Amino acid sequence: MTNEGILDRARELLRIEARAIERCAEKLDHRFLEAIELIRETHKKGKKLILMGMGKSHYVAGKLAASFMSTGITAVFVHPAEAFHGDLGGIHQDDLCILISKSGATPELLGLIPFFKGNNPVISITGNVKSHLALASTLSLDAAVEKEACPINMLPTASTTAALAVGDALVSVFAEDQGFDRKTFAGYHPGGSIGKRLNFTISQVMVGLDQTPHGSAAQSIATVASKMSDQPVGAYCIVNEKLELIGILTDGDMKRILSKGIPATTAVSEVMNPSPITVGPDLLIDNAIAVMEQKSRPVNCSPVVDANNKLLGVVRLHDLI
């Protein structure tokens, strides 16, 4: 295949998967509403969700279990084969079982159905709503696809994408229904970059005043450029005698100034940005990112000021992500 042929094929495969998700969206009906109600009831009773799948579907089930856990409902992945060898002991009365199978004929899942009857409601996410698994379930959600996104129409691609998308819809709608918000999510996800964004404040990651180049508006561009080189944090903050912020010059600003041939003896007051985007020290990182990435005026470096506009330091976008 030529390079262009490879790209064309990749685009085609991605469009197949996109159409599969769109088709799932069009087929949503009362069964989805009933599934959400089952999840609600399970949560109210203090019971858990049991996610199962074989083959590639078991990865989908595992991901969905982890996503549900992030919303505050207890959810676990149980491998169907292991369930036959003791793990059924972890499935209790009124736990809700969510089974994922493209064919709806997965023997390991079908073999477990008799052990659920009368004790556990079952939701199946399957590519065949007329399959044995679908008919044996309390309700079945349709994740059928027209074809797989692979050359031989067999490798699970569009089908696993569709099943995952339907499952993600369950997770997201349930979370919204429960009033799930960023504060709640922060409590369940304290680690990693997400935990950092939701739990840390600017004061915990900013560059302090002692490492932030700053000075008066009377200084020359040449002096400021030298100080920016000595303390390379991405910006120079202009302050008055009370350390109140009155302007900023970023690395990008300096490059544009030099490219225009403005004399190096020019005072920074003539070229500074007098209305910089600032953040407070107690602002959560996630909120600060939203401020710094606003579409109308995105910035990579922002001064940190207190309630009286006194300079405390700077924060860089790459420190927040």
C-alpha atoms as a PDB file:
ATOM      1  CA  MET A   1       0.000   0.000   0.000  1.00  0.00           C
ATOM      2  CA  THR A   2       1.151   3.544  -0.715  1.00  0.00           C
ATOM      3  CA  ASN A   3       1.319   6.067   2.107  1.00  0.00           C
ATOM      4  CA  GLU A   4      -1.804   7.765   0.812  1.00  0.00           C
ATOM      5  CA  GLY A   5      -3.531   4.407   0.498  1.00  0.00           C
ATOM      6  CA  ILE A   6      -2.707   3.636   4.129  1.00  0.00           C
ATOM      7  CA  LEU A   7      -4.171   6.950   5.278  1.00  0.00           C
ATOM      8  CA  ASP A   8      -7.285   6.485   3.131  1.00  0.00           C
ATOM      9  CA  ARG A   9      -7.837   3.033   4.591  1.00  0.00           C
ATOM     10  CA  ALA A  10      -7.339   4.255   8.141  1.00  0.00           C
ATOM     11  CA  ARG A  11      -9.866   7.050   7.596  1.00  0.00           C
ATOM     12  CA  GLU A  12     -12.365   4.592   6.171  1.00  0.00           C
ATOM     13  CA  LEU A  13     -12.002   2.285   9.188  1.00  0.00           C
ATOM     14  CA  LEU A  14     -12.470   5.154  11.620  1.00  0.00           C
ATOM     15  CA  ARG A  15     -15.611   6.223   9.773  1.00  0.00           C
ATOM     16  CA  ILE A  16     -16.964   2.678  10.020  1.00  0.00           C
ATOM     17  CA  GLU A  17     -16.534   2.816  13.787  1.00  0.00           C
ATOM     18  CA  ALA A  18     -18.082   6.292  13.950  1.00  0.00           C
ATOM     19  CA  ARG A  19     -21.117   5.066  11.997  1.00  0.00           C
ATOM     20  CA  ALA A  20     -21.420   2.112  14.366  1.00  0.00           C
ATOM     21  CA  ILE A  21     -21.715   4.469  17.338  1.00  0.00           C
ATOM     22  CA  GLU A  22     -24.190   6.674  15.486  1.00  0.00           C
ATOM     23  CA  ARG A  23     -26.305   3.611  14.720  1.00  0.00           C
ATOM     24  CA  CYS A  24     -26.323   2.683  18.423  1.00  0.00           C
ATOM     25  CA  ALA A  25     -27.494   6.196  19.276  1.00  0.00           C
ATOM     26  CA  GLU A  26     -30.379   5.931  16.840  1.00  0.00           C
ATOM     27  CA  LYS A  27     -31.520   2.611  18.319  1.00  0.00           C
ATOM     28  CA  LEU A  28     -31.700   3.739  21.957  1.00  0.00           C
ATOM     29  CA  ASP A  29     -35.198   3.218  23.350  1.00  0.00           C
ATOM     30  CA  HIS A  30     -37.131   2.309  26.508  1.00  0.00           C
ATOM     31  CA  ARG A  31     -34.671  -0.500  27.220  1.00  0.00           C
ATOM     32  CA  PHE A  32     -31.947   2.035  27.981  1.00  0.00           C
ATOM     33  CA  LEU A  33     -34.285   3.798  30.409  1.00  0.00           C
ATOM     34  CA  GLU A  34     -35.011   0.471  32.092  1.00  0.00           C
ATOM     35  CA  ALA A  35     -31.285  -0.249  32.324  1.00  0.00           C
ATOM     36  CA  ILE A  36     -30.673   3.075  34.073  1.00  0.00           C
ATOM     37  CA  GLU A  37     -33.500   2.269  36.507  1.00  0.00           C
ATOM     38  CA  LEU A  38     -31.934  -1.107  37.289  1.00  0.00           C
ATOM     39  CA  ILE A  39     -28.598   0.572  38.000  1.00  0.00           C
ATOM     40  CA  ARG A  40     -30.342   3.139  40.225  1.00  0.00           C
ATOM     41  CA  GLU A  41     -32.070   0.398  42.219  1.00  0.00           C
ATOM     42  CA  THR A  42     -28.851  -1.561  42.561  1.00  0.00           C
ATOM     43  CA  HIS A  43     -27.087   1.506  43.928  1.00  0.00           C
ATOM     44  CA  LYS A  44     -29.935   2.353  46.336  1.00  0.00           C
ATOM     45  CA  LYS A  45     -29.796  -1.165  47.773  1.00  0.00           C
ATOM     46  CA  GLY A  46     -26.052  -0.869  48.330  1.00  0.00           C
ATOM     47  CA  LYS A  47     -25.440  -3.707  45.889  1.00  0.00           C
ATOM     48  CA  LYS A  48     -22.819  -3.886  43.162  1.00  0.00           C
ATOM     49  CA  LEU A  49     -22.529  -4.161  39.409  1.00  0.00           C
ATOM     50  CA  ILE A  50     -20.902  -7.290  37.983  1.00  0.00           C
ATOM     51  CA  LEU A  51     -19.356  -6.765  34.547  1.00  0.00           C
ATOM     52  CA  MET A  52     -18.519  -9.798  32.408  1.00  0.00           C
ATOM     53  CA  GLY A  53     -17.268 -10.577  28.922  1.00  0.00           C
ATOM     54  CA  MET A  54     -15.075 -13.081  27.107  1.00  0.00           C
ATOM     55  CA  GLY A  55     -12.323 -12.436  24.603  1.00  0.00           C
ATOM     56  CA  LYS A  56     -12.087  -8.805  23.511  1.00  0.00           C
ATOM     57  CA  SER A  57     -15.356  -8.079  25.304  1.00  0.00           C
ATOM     58  CA  HIS A  58     -13.714  -8.754  28.636  1.00  0.00           C
ATOM     59  CA  TYR A  59     -11.533  -5.673  28.149  1.00  0.00           C
ATOM     60  CA  VAL A  60     -14.658  -3.620  27.477  1.00  0.00           C
ATOM     61  CA  ALA A  61     -16.272  -5.032  30.625  1.00  0.00           C
ATOM     62  CA  GLY A  62     -13.173  -4.259  32.683  1.00  0.00           C
ATOM     63  CA  LYS A  63     -13.054  -0.676  31.485  1.00  0.00           C
ATOM     64  CA  LEU A  64     -16.738  -0.138  32.217  1.00  0.00           C
ATOM     65  CA  ALA A  65     -16.357  -1.568  35.720  1.00  0.00           C
ATOM     66  CA  ALA A  66     -13.557   0.917  36.377  1.00  0.00           C
ATOM     67  CA  SER A  67     -15.626   3.788  34.967  1.00  0.00           C
ATOM     68  CA  PHE A  68     -18.640   2.920  37.109  1.00  0.00           C
ATOM     69  CA  MET A  69     -16.402   2.790  40.187  1.00  0.00           C
ATOM     70  CA  SER A  70     -15.320   6.373  39.462  1.00  0.00           C
ATOM     71  CA  THR A  71     -18.957   7.479  39.811  1.00  0.00           C
ATOM     72  CA  GLY A  72     -19.314   6.040  43.299  1.00  0.00           C
ATOM     73  CA  ILE A  73     -21.178   2.802  42.613  1.00  0.00           C
ATOM     74  CA  THR A  74     -19.438  -0.459  43.472  1.00  0.00           C
ATOM     75  CA  ALA A  75     -18.610  -2.294  40.251  1.00  0.00           C
ATOM     76  CA  VAL A  76     -16.292  -5.222  39.626  1.00  0.00           C
ATOM     77  CA  PHE A  77     -15.159  -7.251  36.654  1.00  0.00           C
ATOM     78  CA  VAL A  78     -15.580 -10.993  37.039  1.00  0.00           C
ATOM     79  CA  HIS A  79     -14.090 -13.241  34.368  1.00  0.00           C
ATOM     80  CA  PRO A  80     -16.783 -15.717  33.224  1.00  0.00           C
ATOM     81  CA  ALA A  81     -14.384 -18.660  33.194  1.00  0.00           C
ATOM     82  CA  GLU A  82     -13.214 -17.882  36.722  1.00  0.00           C
ATOM     83  CA  ALA A  83     -16.833 -17.557  37.833  1.00  0.00           C
ATOM     84  CA  PHE A  84     -17.273 -21.278  37.149  1.00  0.00           C
ATOM     85  CA  HIS A  85     -14.332 -21.993  39.426  1.00  0.00           C
ATOM     86  CA  GLY A  86     -15.280 -20.111  42.572  1.00  0.00           C
ATOM     87  CA  ASP A  87     -15.676 -16.447  41.687  1.00  0.00           C
ATOM     88  CA  LEU A  88     -19.458 -16.825  41.691  1.00  0.00           C
ATOM     89  CA  GLY A  89     -19.057 -16.556  45.452  1.00  0.00           C
ATOM     90  CA  GLY A  90     -18.489 -12.831  45.017  1.00  0.00           C
ATOM     91  CA  ILE A  91     -21.864 -12.330  43.324  1.00  0.00           C
ATOM     92  CA  HIS A  92     -24.593 -11.777  45.889  1.00  0.00           C
ATOM     93  CA  GLN A  93     -28.368 -11.441  45.932  1.00  0.00           C
ATOM     94  CA  ASP A  94     -29.570  -8.418  43.891  1.00  0.00           C
ATOM     95  CA  ASP A  95     -26.174  -7.617  42.390  1.00  0.00           C
ATOM     96  CA  LEU A  96     -26.782  -6.444  38.818  1.00  0.00           C
ATOM     97  CA  CYS A  97     -24.926  -8.439  36.141  1.00  0.00           C
ATOM     98  CA  ILE A  98     -23.985  -6.678  32.903  1.00  0.00           C
ATOM     99  CA  LEU A  99     -22.879  -9.184  30.261  1.00  0.00           C
ATOM    100  CA  ILE A 100     -21.164  -8.158  27.033  1.00  0.00           C
ATOM    101  CA  SER A 101     -21.121 -10.343  23.929  1.00  0.00           C
ATOM    102  CA  LYS A 102     -21.131  -9.493  20.238  1.00  0.00           C
ATOM    103  CA  SER A 103     -22.767 -12.750  19.192  1.00  0.00           C
ATOM    104  CA  GLY A 104     -25.003 -13.244  22.197  1.00  0.00           C
ATOM    105  CA  ALA A 105     -23.967 -16.876  22.028  1.00  0.00           C
ATOM    106  CA  THR A 106     -20.873 -16.866  24.253  1.00  0.00           C
ATOM    107  CA  PRO A 107     -21.006 -20.278  25.997  1.00  0.00           C
ATOM    108  CA  GLU A 108     -19.335 -19.079  29.181  1.00  0.00           C
ATOM    109  CA  LEU A 109     -21.937 -16.337  29.647  1.00  0.00           C
ATOM    110  CA  LEU A 110     -24.904 -18.491  28.697  1.00  0.00           C
ATOM    111  CA  GLY A 111     -23.744 -21.147  31.135  1.00  0.00           C
ATOM    112  CA  LEU A 112     -23.885 -18.650  33.996  1.00  0.00           C
ATOM    113  CA  ILE A 113     -27.456 -17.506  33.370  1.00  0.00           C
ATOM    114  CA  PRO A 114     -29.056 -20.335  35.431  1.00  0.00           C
ATOM    115  CA  PHE A 115     -27.018 -19.254  38.439  1.00  0.00           C
ATOM    116  CA  PHE A 116     -28.390 -15.700  38.162  1.00  0.00           C
ATOM    117  CA  LYS A 117     -32.071 -16.532  37.701  1.00  0.00           C
ATOM    118  CA  GLY A 118     -34.168 -15.302  40.592  1.00  0.00           C
ATOM    119  CA  ASN A 119     -31.177 -13.759  42.347  1.00  0.00           C
ATOM    120  CA  ASN A 120     -29.658 -11.250  39.968  1.00  0.00           C
ATOM    121  CA  PRO A 121     -31.103  -9.045  37.220  1.00  0.00           C
ATOM    122  CA  VAL A 122     -29.130  -9.267  33.977  1.00  0.00           C
ATOM    123  CA  ILE A 123     -28.447  -6.597  31.359  1.00  0.00           C
ATOM    124  CA  SER A 124     -26.800  -7.816  28.180  1.00  0.00           C
ATOM    125  CA  ILE A 125     -25.055  -5.570  25.673  1.00  0.00           C
ATOM    126  CA  THR A 126     -24.998  -7.571  22.482  1.00  0.00           C
ATOM    127  CA  GLY A 127     -24.843  -7.390  18.719  1.00  0.00           C
ATOM    128  CA  ASN A 128     -27.854  -9.688  18.408  1.00  0.00           C
ATOM    129  CA  VAL A 129     -30.948  -8.783  20.432  1.00  0.00           C
ATOM    130  CA  LYS A 130     -32.606 -12.010  19.294  1.00  0.00           C
ATOM    131  CA  SER A 131     -29.769 -14.187  20.575  1.00  0.00           C
ATOM    132  CA  HIS A 132     -30.064 -16.684  23.412  1.00  0.00           C
ATOM    133  CA  LEU A 133     -28.201 -14.350  25.733  1.00  0.00           C
ATOM    134  CA  ALA A 134     -30.429 -11.383  24.910  1.00  0.00           C
ATOM    135  CA  LEU A 135     -33.617 -13.394  25.352  1.00  0.00           C
ATOM    136  CA  ALA A 136     -32.400 -14.851  28.653  1.00  0.00           C
ATOM    137  CA  SER A 137     -31.549 -11.410  30.060  1.00  0.00           C
ATOM    138  CA  THR A 138     -33.791  -9.140  32.070  1.00  0.00           C
ATOM    139  CA  LEU A 139     -33.241  -6.681  29.231  1.00  0.00           C
ATOM    140  CA  SER A 140     -30.826  -6.372  26.333  1.00  0.00           C
ATOM    141  CA  LEU A 141     -29.215  -3.277  24.795  1.00  0.00           C
ATOM    142  CA  ASP A 142     -28.551  -3.295  21.074  1.00  0.00           C
ATOM    143  CA  ALA A 143     -24.913  -2.816  20.065  1.00  0.00           C
ATOM    144  CA  ALA A 144     -25.158  -4.404  16.616  1.00  0.00           C
ATOM    145  CA  VAL A 145     -22.862  -3.175  13.845  1.00  0.00           C
ATOM    146  CA  GLU A 146     -23.193  -3.487  10.082  1.00  0.00           C
ATOM    147  CA  LYS A 147     -19.605  -4.653   9.718  1.00  0.00           C
ATOM    148  CA  GLU A 148     -16.303  -4.709  11.525  1.00  0.00           C
ATOM    149  CA  ALA A 149     -13.630  -2.154  10.723  1.00  0.00           C
ATOM    150  CA  CYS A 150     -11.125  -4.727   9.530  1.00  0.00           C
ATOM    151  CA  PRO A 151     -10.244  -6.153   6.089  1.00  0.00           C
ATOM    152  CA  ILE A 152     -11.826  -9.561   6.756  1.00  0.00           C
ATOM    153  CA  ASN A 153     -14.850  -8.339   8.738  1.00  0.00           C
ATOM    154  CA  MET A 154     -13.983 -10.551  11.696  1.00  0.00           C
ATOM    155  CA  LEU A 155     -11.541  -8.821  14.041  1.00  0.00           C
ATOM    156  CA  PRO A 156     -13.546  -7.195  16.856  1.00  0.00           C
ATOM    157  CA  THR A 157     -13.218  -3.482  16.115  1.00  0.00           C
ATOM    158  CA  ALA A 158     -16.482  -1.672  15.390  1.00  0.00           C
ATOM    159  CA  SER A 159     -18.352  -4.147  17.605  1.00  0.00           C
ATOM    160  CA  THR A 160     -16.175  -3.539  20.664  1.00  0.00           C
ATOM    161  CA  THR A 161     -16.305   0.207  20.004  1.00  0.00           C
ATOM    162  CA  ALA A 162     -20.110   0.070  19.870  1.00  0.00           C
ATOM    163  CA  ALA A 163     -20.380  -2.009  23.048  1.00  0.00           C
ATOM    164  CA  LEU A 164     -18.017   0.334  24.870  1.00  0.00           C
ATOM    165  CA  ALA A 165     -19.963   3.390  23.673  1.00  0.00           C
ATOM    166  CA  VAL A 166     -23.277   1.948  24.884  1.00  0.00           C
ATOM    167  CA  GLY A 167     -21.653   1.114  28.215  1.00  0.00           C
ATOM    168  CA  ASP A 168     -20.136   4.580  28.474  1.00  0.00           C
ATOM    169  CA  ALA A 169     -23.594   6.039  27.868  1.00  0.00           C
ATOM    170  CA  LEU A 170     -24.875   4.040  30.846  1.00  0.00           C
ATOM    171  CA  VAL A 171     -22.002   5.270  33.013  1.00  0.00           C
ATOM    172  CA  SER A 172     -22.338   8.923  32.035  1.00  0.00           C
ATOM    173  CA  VAL A 173     -26.125   9.135  32.232  1.00  0.00           C
ATOM    174  CA  PHE A 174     -26.145   7.358  35.593  1.00  0.00           C
ATOM    175  CA  ALA A 175     -23.480   9.732  36.907  1.00  0.00           C
ATOM    176  CA  GLU A 176     -25.409  12.800  35.762  1.00  0.00           C
ATOM    177  CA  ASP A 177     -28.631  11.360  37.184  1.00  0.00           C
ATOM    178  CA  GLN A 178     -26.916  11.011  40.574  1.00  0.00           C
ATOM    179  CA  GLY A 179     -25.722  14.614  40.588  1.00  0.00           C
ATOM    180  CA  PHE A 180     -22.129  13.578  39.995  1.00  0.00           C
ATOM    181  CA  ASP A 181     -19.775  16.581  39.822  1.00  0.00           C
ATOM    182  CA  ARG A 182     -16.063  17.444  39.777  1.00  0.00           C
ATOM    183  CA  LYS A 183     -15.833  17.593  43.556  1.00  0.00           C
ATOM    184  CA  THR A 184     -17.251  14.082  43.875  1.00  0.00           C
ATOM    185  CA  PHE A 185     -14.952  12.787  41.153  1.00  0.00           C
ATOM    186  CA  ALA A 186     -11.965  14.362  42.907  1.00  0.00           C
ATOM    187  CA  GLY A 187     -12.747  12.302  45.999  1.00  0.00           C
ATOM    188  CA  TYR A 188     -12.740   9.074  44.006  1.00  0.00           C
ATOM    189  CA  HIS A 189      -9.726   9.932  41.850  1.00  0.00           C
ATOM    190  CA  PRO A 190      -6.939  11.524  43.941  1.00  0.00           C
ATOM    191  CA  GLY A 191      -4.058  10.148  41.870  1.00  0.00           C
ATOM    192  CA  GLY A 192      -2.509  10.811  38.482  1.00  0.00           C
ATOM    193  CA  SER A 193      -2.922  13.905  36.336  1.00  0.00           C
ATOM    194  CA  ILE A 194      -6.703  13.889  36.857  1.00  0.00           C
ATOM    195  CA  GLY A 195      -6.291  13.828  40.628  1.00  0.00           C
ATOM    196  CA  LYS A 196      -3.752  16.619  40.410  1.00  0.00           C
ATOM    197  CA  ARG A 197      -6.138  18.792  38.388  1.00  0.00           C
ATOM    198  CA  LEU A 198      -9.064  18.235  40.734  1.00  0.00           C
ATOM    199  CA  ASN A 199      -7.319  18.338  44.122  1.00  0.00           C
ATOM    200  CA  PHE A 200      -4.293  20.633  43.873  1.00  0.00           C
ATOM    201  CA  THR A 201      -4.355  24.417  43.955  1.00  0.00           C
ATOM    202  CA  ILE A 202      -2.162  26.885  42.097  1.00  0.00           C
ATOM    203  CA  SER A 203      -0.158  27.624  45.268  1.00  0.00           C
ATOM    204  CA  GLN A 204       1.084  24.027  45.221  1.00  0.00           C
ATOM    205  CA  VAL A 205       2.560  24.141  41.713  1.00  0.00           C
ATOM    206  CA  MET A 206       3.375  27.763  40.947  1.00  0.00           C
ATOM    207  CA  VAL A 207       6.818  29.313  40.578  1.00  0.00           C
ATOM    208  CA  GLY A 208       7.357  31.532  43.614  1.00  0.00           C
ATOM    209  CA  LEU A 209       8.148  35.238  43.580  1.00  0.00           C
ATOM    210  CA  ASP A 210      11.850  34.635  44.307  1.00  0.00           C
ATOM    211  CA  GLN A 211      12.152  32.745  41.002  1.00  0.00           C
ATOM    212  CA  THR A 212       9.857  35.005  39.003  1.00  0.00           C
ATOM    213  CA  PRO A 213      11.568  37.808  37.052  1.00  0.00           C
ATOM    214  CA  HIS A 214       9.788  41.070  37.896  1.00  0.00           C
ATOM    215  CA  GLY A 215      10.472  44.776  38.093  1.00  0.00           C
ATOM    216  CA  SER A 216       9.330  48.287  37.275  1.00  0.00           C
ATOM    217  CA  ALA A 217       7.834  49.562  34.046  1.00  0.00           C
ATOM    218  CA  ALA A 218      10.723  52.010  33.604  1.00  0.00           C
ATOM    219  CA  GLN A 219      13.241  49.287  32.786  1.00  0.00           C
ATOM    220  CA  SER A 220      14.434  48.892  29.216  1.00  0.00           C
ATOM    221  CA  ILE A 221      13.593  45.992  26.955  1.00  0.00           C
ATOM    222  CA  ALA A 222      17.294  44.992  27.034  1.00  0.00           C
ATOM    223  CA  THR A 223      17.309  44.814  30.845  1.00  0.00           C
ATOM    224  CA  VAL A 224      14.112  42.808  30.928  1.00  0.00           C
ATOM    225  CA  ALA A 225      15.410  40.409  28.250  1.00  0.00           C
ATOM    226  CA  SER A 226      18.514  39.786  30.365  1.00  0.00           C
ATOM    227  CA  LYS A 227      16.477  39.063  33.486  1.00  0.00           C
ATOM    228  CA  MET A 228      14.210  36.722  31.530  1.00  0.00           C
ATOM    229  CA  SER A 229      17.283  34.791  30.427  1.00  0.00           C
ATOM    230  CA  ASP A 230      18.530  34.526  34.017  1.00  0.00           C
ATOM    231  CA  GLN A 231      15.185  33.244  35.290  1.00  0.00           C
ATOM    232  CA  PRO A 232      13.544  31.421  32.364  1.00  0.00           C
ATOM    233  CA  VAL A 233       9.956  30.898  33.499  1.00  0.00           C
ATOM    234  CA  GLY A 234       8.328  32.182  30.310  1.00  0.00           C
ATOM    235  CA  ALA A 235       7.375  35.688  31.390  1.00  0.00           C
ATOM    236  CA  TYR A 236       8.444  38.942  33.034  1.00  0.00           C
ATOM    237  CA  CYS A 237       5.974  40.583  35.397  1.00  0.00           C
ATOM    238  CA  ILE A 238       5.835  44.372  35.652  1.00  0.00           C
ATOM    239  CA  VAL A 239       4.919  45.698  39.101  1.00  0.00           C
ATOM    240  CA  ASN A 240       4.700  48.992  40.963  1.00  0.00           C
ATOM    241  CA  GLU A 241       6.453  49.860  44.218  1.00  0.00           C
ATOM    242  CA  LYS A 242       3.825  47.895  46.177  1.00  0.00           C
ATOM    243  CA  LEU A 243       4.445  44.777  44.068  1.00  0.00           C
ATOM    244  CA  GLU A 244       1.009  45.182  42.481  1.00  0.00           C
ATOM    245  CA  LEU A 245       0.883  43.718  38.995  1.00  0.00           C
ATOM    246  CA  ILE A 246       0.521  46.276  36.213  1.00  0.00           C
ATOM    247  CA  GLY A 247       1.609  44.288  33.161  1.00  0.00           C
ATOM    248  CA  ILE A 248       3.435  41.324  31.673  1.00  0.00           C
ATOM    249  CA  LEU A 249       5.844  40.415  28.887  1.00  0.00           C
ATOM    250  CA  THR A 250       5.954  36.776  27.811  1.00  0.00           C
ATOM    251  CA  ASP A 251       8.648  35.021  25.802  1.00  0.00           C
ATOM    252  CA  GLY A 252       6.333  35.226  22.808  1.00  0.00           C
ATOM    253  CA  ASP A 253       5.840  38.956  23.320  1.00  0.00           C
ATOM    254  CA  MET A 254       9.591  39.485  23.473  1.00  0.00           C
ATOM    255  CA  LYS A 255      10.178  37.596  20.230  1.00  0.00           C
ATOM    256  CA  ARG A 256       7.545  39.701  18.450  1.00  0.00           C
ATOM    257  CA  ILE A 257       9.039  42.922  19.830  1.00  0.00           C
ATOM    258  CA  LEU A 258      12.549  42.019  18.658  1.00  0.00           C
ATOM    259  CA  SER A 259      11.296  40.940  15.227  1.00  0.00           C
ATOM    260  CA  LYS A 260       9.738  44.389  14.747  1.00  0.00           C
ATOM    261  CA  GLY A 261      13.083  46.106  15.379  1.00  0.00           C
ATOM    262  CA  ILE A 262      11.877  48.097  18.376  1.00  0.00           C
ATOM    263  CA  PRO A 263      14.927  49.696  20.052  1.00  0.00           C
ATOM    264  CA  ALA A 264      16.276  47.747  23.023  1.00  0.00           C
ATOM    265  CA  THR A 265      16.397  50.988  25.030  1.00  0.00           C
ATOM    266  CA  THR A 266      12.601  51.318  24.914  1.00  0.00           C
ATOM    267  CA  ALA A 267      10.902  51.165  28.308  1.00  0.00           C
ATOM    268  CA  VAL A 268       8.821  48.031  28.884  1.00  0.00           C
ATOM    269  CA  SER A 269       5.853  50.269  29.738  1.00  0.00           C
ATOM    270  CA  GLU A 270       5.636  50.989  26.007  1.00  0.00           C
ATOM    271  CA  VAL A 271       5.362  47.344  24.939  1.00  0.00           C
ATOM    272  CA  MET A 272       3.959  45.406  27.910  1.00  0.00           C
ATOM    273  CA  ASN A 273       0.533  43.792  28.049  1.00  0.00           C
ATOM    274  CA  PRO A 274      -1.302  45.915  30.657  1.00  0.00           C
ATOM    275  CA  SER A 275      -4.183  43.453  31.072  1.00  0.00           C
ATOM    276  CA  PRO A 276      -2.677  40.005  31.709  1.00  0.00           C
ATOM    277  CA  ILE A 277      -4.828  36.997  32.545  1.00  0.00           C
ATOM    278  CA  THR A 278      -4.191  36.218  36.204  1.00  0.00           C
ATOM    279  CA  VAL A 279      -5.075  33.412  38.600  1.00  0.00           C
ATOM    280  CA  GLY A 280      -5.334  33.238  42.370  1.00  0.00           C
ATOM    281  CA  PRO A 281      -3.236  30.961  44.608  1.00  0.00           C
ATOM    282  CA  ASP A 282      -6.283  29.066  45.919  1.00  0.00           C
ATOM    283  CA  LEU A 283      -7.734  28.292  42.496  1.00  0.00           C
ATOM    284  CA  LEU A 284      -7.951  24.587  41.665  1.00  0.00           C
ATOM    285  CA  ILE A 285      -5.651  23.522  38.851  1.00  0.00           C
ATOM    286  CA  ASP A 286      -8.600  22.315  36.762  1.00  0.00           C
ATOM    287  CA  ASN A 287     -10.234  25.733  36.982  1.00  0.00           C
ATOM    288  CA  ALA A 288      -6.951  27.481  36.234  1.00  0.00           C
ATOM    289  CA  ILE A 289      -6.527  25.435  33.064  1.00  0.00           C
ATOM    290  CA  ALA A 290      -9.981  26.560  31.941  1.00  0.00           C
ATOM    291  CA  VAL A 291      -8.970  30.195  32.532  1.00  0.00           C
ATOM    292  CA  MET A 292      -5.661  29.873  30.705  1.00  0.00           C
ATOM    293  CA  GLU A 293      -7.067  27.892  27.773  1.00  0.00           C
ATOM    294  CA  GLN A 294     -10.087  30.093  27.081  1.00  0.00           C
ATOM    295  CA  LYS A 295     -10.608  30.210  23.330  1.00  0.00           C
ATOM    296  CA  SER A 296     -10.744  33.992  23.042  1.00  0.00           C
ATOM    297  CA  ARG A 297      -7.361  34.503  24.670  1.00  0.00           C
ATOM    298  CA  PRO A 298      -5.303  31.386  25.521  1.00  0.00           C
ATOM    299  CA  VAL A 299      -2.037  31.833  27.430  1.00  0.00           C
ATOM    300  CA  ASN A 300       0.839  29.545  28.400  1.00  0.00           C
ATOM    301  CA  CYS A 301       1.979  31.514  31.439  1.00  0.00           C
ATOM    302  CA  SER A 302      -0.069  33.462  33.940  1.00  0.00           C
ATOM    303  CA  PRO A 303       0.841  35.684  36.924  1.00  0.00           C
ATOM    304  CA  VAL A 304      -0.430  34.530  40.317  1.00  0.00           C
ATOM    305  CA  VAL A 305      -1.810  37.379  42.396  1.00  0.00           C
ATOM    306  CA  ASP A 306      -3.577  37.729  45.733  1.00  0.00           C
ATOM    307  CA  ALA A 307      -6.897  39.461  46.360  1.00  0.00           C
ATOM    308  CA  ASN A 308      -5.140  42.859  46.266  1.00  0.00           C
ATOM    309  CA  ASN A 309      -3.434  42.143  42.929  1.00  0.00           C
ATOM    310  CA  LYS A 310      -0.062  41.718  44.640  1.00  0.00           C
ATOM    311  CA  LEU A 311       2.282  39.478  42.652  1.00  0.00           C
ATOM    312  CA  LEU A 312       3.003  36.100  44.249  1.00  0.00           C
ATOM    313  CA  GLY A 313       4.644  34.307  41.303  1.00  0.00           C
ATOM    314  CA  VAL A 314       3.709  32.733  37.980  1.00  0.00           C
ATOM    315  CA  VAL A 315       2.244  29.459  36.819  1.00  0.00           C
ATOM    316  CA  ARG A 316       2.914  27.788  33.496  1.00  0.00           C
ATOM    317  CA  LEU A 317       0.399  25.697  31.635  1.00  0.00           C
ATOM    318  CA  HIS A 318       2.783  22.761  31.317  1.00  0.00           C
ATOM    319  CA  ASP A 319       3.078  22.691  35.136  1.00  0.00           C
ATOM    320  CA  LEU A 320      -0.671  22.114  35.360  1.00  0.00           C
ATOM    321  CA  ILE A 321      -1.137  19.260  32.929  1.00  0.00           C
END
